[in-house]
């Protein structure tokens, strides 16, 4: 019971971290690549999180096919950590490109 609660708490914490980090990364990349190129205003982290939620809603069917009731909690945590690492790698490459512009 305690193990299941700990795993659920880990998933919740990773979800919150990924949401905030994803919003921050999207806000930065919007400012670097969209606002500067097209003269659009920058967006806040909250707006970026909202946009992230919209994309998550649209892609929800794809995620539901990947994660079903039989999916192991450790696999879900691993997938969430992989998402975090992929986002950070994307940010590093985007920052490098921004520096070259």
C-alpha atoms as a PDB file:
ATOM      1  CA  UNK A   1       0.000   0.000   0.000  1.00  0.00           C
ATOM      2  CA  UNK A   2       2.779   2.438   0.931  1.00  0.00           C
ATOM      3  CA  UNK A   3       4.733   1.442  -2.178  1.00  0.00           C
ATOM      4  CA  UNK A   4       1.745   2.171  -4.406  1.00  0.00           C
ATOM      5  CA  UNK A   5       1.258   5.541  -2.703  1.00  0.00           C
ATOM      6  CA  UNK A   6       4.945   6.378  -3.183  1.00  0.00           C
ATOM      7  CA  UNK A   7       4.780   5.480  -6.879  1.00  0.00           C
ATOM      8  CA  UNK A   8       1.626   7.564  -7.335  1.00  0.00           C
ATOM      9  CA  UNK A   9       3.283  10.473  -5.549  1.00  0.00           C
ATOM     10  CA  UNK A  10       6.356  10.119  -7.781  1.00  0.00           C
ATOM     11  CA  UNK A  11       4.142  10.229 -10.887  1.00  0.00           C
ATOM     12  CA  UNK A  12       2.333  13.317  -9.560  1.00  0.00           C
ATOM     13  CA  UNK A  13       5.585  15.133  -8.772  1.00  0.00           C
ATOM     14  CA  UNK A  14       7.078  14.271 -12.174  1.00  0.00           C
ATOM     15  CA  UNK A  15       3.908  15.470 -13.887  1.00  0.00           C
ATOM     16  CA  UNK A  16       4.049  18.814 -12.081  1.00  0.00           C
ATOM     17  CA  UNK A  17       7.776  19.223 -12.797  1.00  0.00           C
ATOM     18  CA  UNK A  18       7.292  18.315 -16.484  1.00  0.00           C
ATOM     19  CA  UNK A  19       4.376  20.739 -16.790  1.00  0.00           C
ATOM     20  CA  UNK A  20       6.246  23.681 -15.294  1.00  0.00           C
ATOM     21  CA  UNK A  21       9.468  22.879 -17.142  1.00  0.00           C
ATOM     22  CA  UNK A  22       7.599  22.387 -20.423  1.00  0.00           C
ATOM     23  CA  UNK A  23       5.858  25.742 -20.004  1.00  0.00           C
ATOM     24  CA  UNK A  24       9.146  27.480 -19.283  1.00  0.00           C
ATOM     25  CA  UNK A  25      10.858  25.863 -22.270  1.00  0.00           C
ATOM     26  CA  UNK A  26       7.944  26.725 -24.581  1.00  0.00           C
ATOM     27  CA  UNK A  27       7.895  30.343 -23.351  1.00  0.00           C
ATOM     28  CA  UNK A  28      11.650  30.676 -23.975  1.00  0.00           C
ATOM     29  CA  UNK A  29      11.519  29.104 -27.420  1.00  0.00           C
ATOM     30  CA  UNK A  30       8.474  31.210 -28.342  1.00  0.00           C
ATOM     31  CA  UNK A  31      10.409  34.350 -27.419  1.00  0.00           C
ATOM     32  CA  UNK A  32      13.534  33.233 -29.269  1.00  0.00           C
ATOM     33  CA  UNK A  33      12.033  31.887 -32.479  1.00  0.00           C
ATOM     34  CA  UNK A  34       8.468  33.144 -32.932  1.00  0.00           C
ATOM     35  CA  UNK A  35       8.204  36.541 -31.258  1.00  0.00           C
ATOM     36  CA  UNK A  36      11.528  37.809 -32.581  1.00  0.00           C
ATOM     37  CA  UNK A  37      10.947  36.558 -36.145  1.00  0.00           C
ATOM     38  CA  UNK A  38       7.319  37.597 -36.619  1.00  0.00           C
ATOM     39  CA  UNK A  39       7.029  40.590 -34.299  1.00  0.00           C
ATOM     40  CA  UNK A  40       4.574  38.820 -31.980  1.00  0.00           C
ATOM     41  CA  UNK A  41       4.418  39.434 -28.246  1.00  0.00           C
ATOM     42  CA  UNK A  42       6.172  37.098 -25.843  1.00  0.00           C
ATOM     43  CA  UNK A  43       4.052  34.668 -23.841  1.00  0.00           C
ATOM     44  CA  UNK A  44       4.173  34.024 -20.120  1.00  0.00           C
ATOM     45  CA  UNK A  45       4.929  30.660 -18.556  1.00  0.00           C
ATOM     46  CA  UNK A  46       1.234  30.351 -17.656  1.00  0.00           C
ATOM     47  CA  UNK A  47       0.186  30.892 -21.263  1.00  0.00           C
ATOM     48  CA  UNK A  48       2.809  28.389 -22.396  1.00  0.00           C
ATOM     49  CA  UNK A  49       1.506  25.822 -19.908  1.00  0.00           C
ATOM     50  CA  UNK A  50      -1.977  26.425 -21.320  1.00  0.00           C
ATOM     51  CA  UNK A  51      -0.716  25.826 -24.850  1.00  0.00           C
ATOM     52  CA  UNK A  52       1.031  22.691 -23.585  1.00  0.00           C
ATOM     53  CA  UNK A  53      -2.293  21.515 -22.111  1.00  0.00           C
ATOM     54  CA  UNK A  54      -3.997  22.075 -25.465  1.00  0.00           C
ATOM     55  CA  UNK A  55      -1.423  19.926 -27.248  1.00  0.00           C
ATOM     56  CA  UNK A  56      -1.678  17.284 -24.511  1.00  0.00           C
ATOM     57  CA  UNK A  57      -5.448  17.228 -24.977  1.00  0.00           C
ATOM     58  CA  UNK A  58      -5.102  16.839 -28.740  1.00  0.00           C
ATOM     59  CA  UNK A  59      -2.510  14.081 -28.370  1.00  0.00           C
ATOM     60  CA  UNK A  60      -4.332  12.359 -25.509  1.00  0.00           C
ATOM     61  CA  UNK A  61      -5.572   9.551 -27.765  1.00  0.00           C
ATOM     62  CA  UNK A  62      -2.003   8.666 -28.686  1.00  0.00           C
ATOM     63  CA  UNK A  63      -0.935   8.568 -25.039  1.00  0.00           C
ATOM     64  CA  UNK A  64      -3.909   6.434 -24.073  1.00  0.00           C
ATOM     65  CA  UNK A  65      -2.883   3.842 -26.642  1.00  0.00           C
ATOM     66  CA  UNK A  66       0.606   3.716 -25.124  1.00  0.00           C
ATOM     67  CA  UNK A  67      -0.477   3.607 -21.473  1.00  0.00           C
ATOM     68  CA  UNK A  68      -3.224   1.179 -20.576  1.00  0.00           C
ATOM     69  CA  UNK A  69      -4.372  -0.333 -17.286  1.00  0.00           C
ATOM     70  CA  UNK A  70      -1.765  -3.085 -17.476  1.00  0.00           C
ATOM     71  CA  UNK A  71       1.154  -0.678 -17.809  1.00  0.00           C
ATOM     72  CA  UNK A  72       3.611  -0.997 -14.964  1.00  0.00           C
ATOM     73  CA  UNK A  73       4.017   2.065 -12.725  1.00  0.00           C
ATOM     74  CA  UNK A  74       7.792   1.879 -13.097  1.00  0.00           C
ATOM     75  CA  UNK A  75       7.352   2.063 -16.880  1.00  0.00           C
ATOM     76  CA  UNK A  76       5.186   5.171 -16.500  1.00  0.00           C
ATOM     77  CA  UNK A  77       7.812   6.807 -14.259  1.00  0.00           C
ATOM     78  CA  UNK A  78      10.541   5.840 -16.740  1.00  0.00           C
ATOM     79  CA  UNK A  79       8.554   7.351 -19.623  1.00  0.00           C
ATOM     80  CA  UNK A  80       8.040  10.532 -17.610  1.00  0.00           C
ATOM     81  CA  UNK A  81      11.751  10.801 -16.823  1.00  0.00           C
ATOM     82  CA  UNK A  82      12.542  10.220 -20.500  1.00  0.00           C
ATOM     83  CA  UNK A  83      10.198  13.099 -21.358  1.00  0.00           C
ATOM     84  CA  UNK A  84      12.045  15.328 -18.895  1.00  0.00           C
ATOM     85  CA  UNK A  85      15.446  14.424 -20.341  1.00  0.00           C
ATOM     86  CA  UNK A  86      14.210  14.869 -23.923  1.00  0.00           C
ATOM     87  CA  UNK A  87      12.821  18.309 -23.059  1.00  0.00           C
ATOM     88  CA  UNK A  88      16.123  19.383 -21.540  1.00  0.00           C
ATOM     89  CA  UNK A  89      18.067  18.126 -24.554  1.00  0.00           C
ATOM     90  CA  UNK A  90      15.683  19.987 -26.866  1.00  0.00           C
ATOM     91  CA  UNK A  91      16.153  23.141 -24.806  1.00  0.00           C
ATOM     92  CA  UNK A  92      19.950  22.891 -24.987  1.00  0.00           C
ATOM     93  CA  UNK A  93      19.861  22.552 -28.781  1.00  0.00           C
ATOM     94  CA  UNK A  94      17.301  25.365 -29.092  1.00  0.00           C
ATOM     95  CA  UNK A  95      19.457  27.626 -26.919  1.00  0.00           C
ATOM     96  CA  UNK A  96      22.490  26.839 -29.070  1.00  0.00           C
ATOM     97  CA  UNK A  97      20.536  27.718 -32.192  1.00  0.00           C
ATOM     98  CA  UNK A  98      19.286  30.906 -30.539  1.00  0.00           C
ATOM     99  CA  UNK A  99      22.871  31.893 -29.732  1.00  0.00           C
ATOM    100  CA  UNK A 100      23.865  31.402 -33.370  1.00  0.00           C
ATOM    101  CA  UNK A 101      21.082  33.657 -34.670  1.00  0.00           C
END
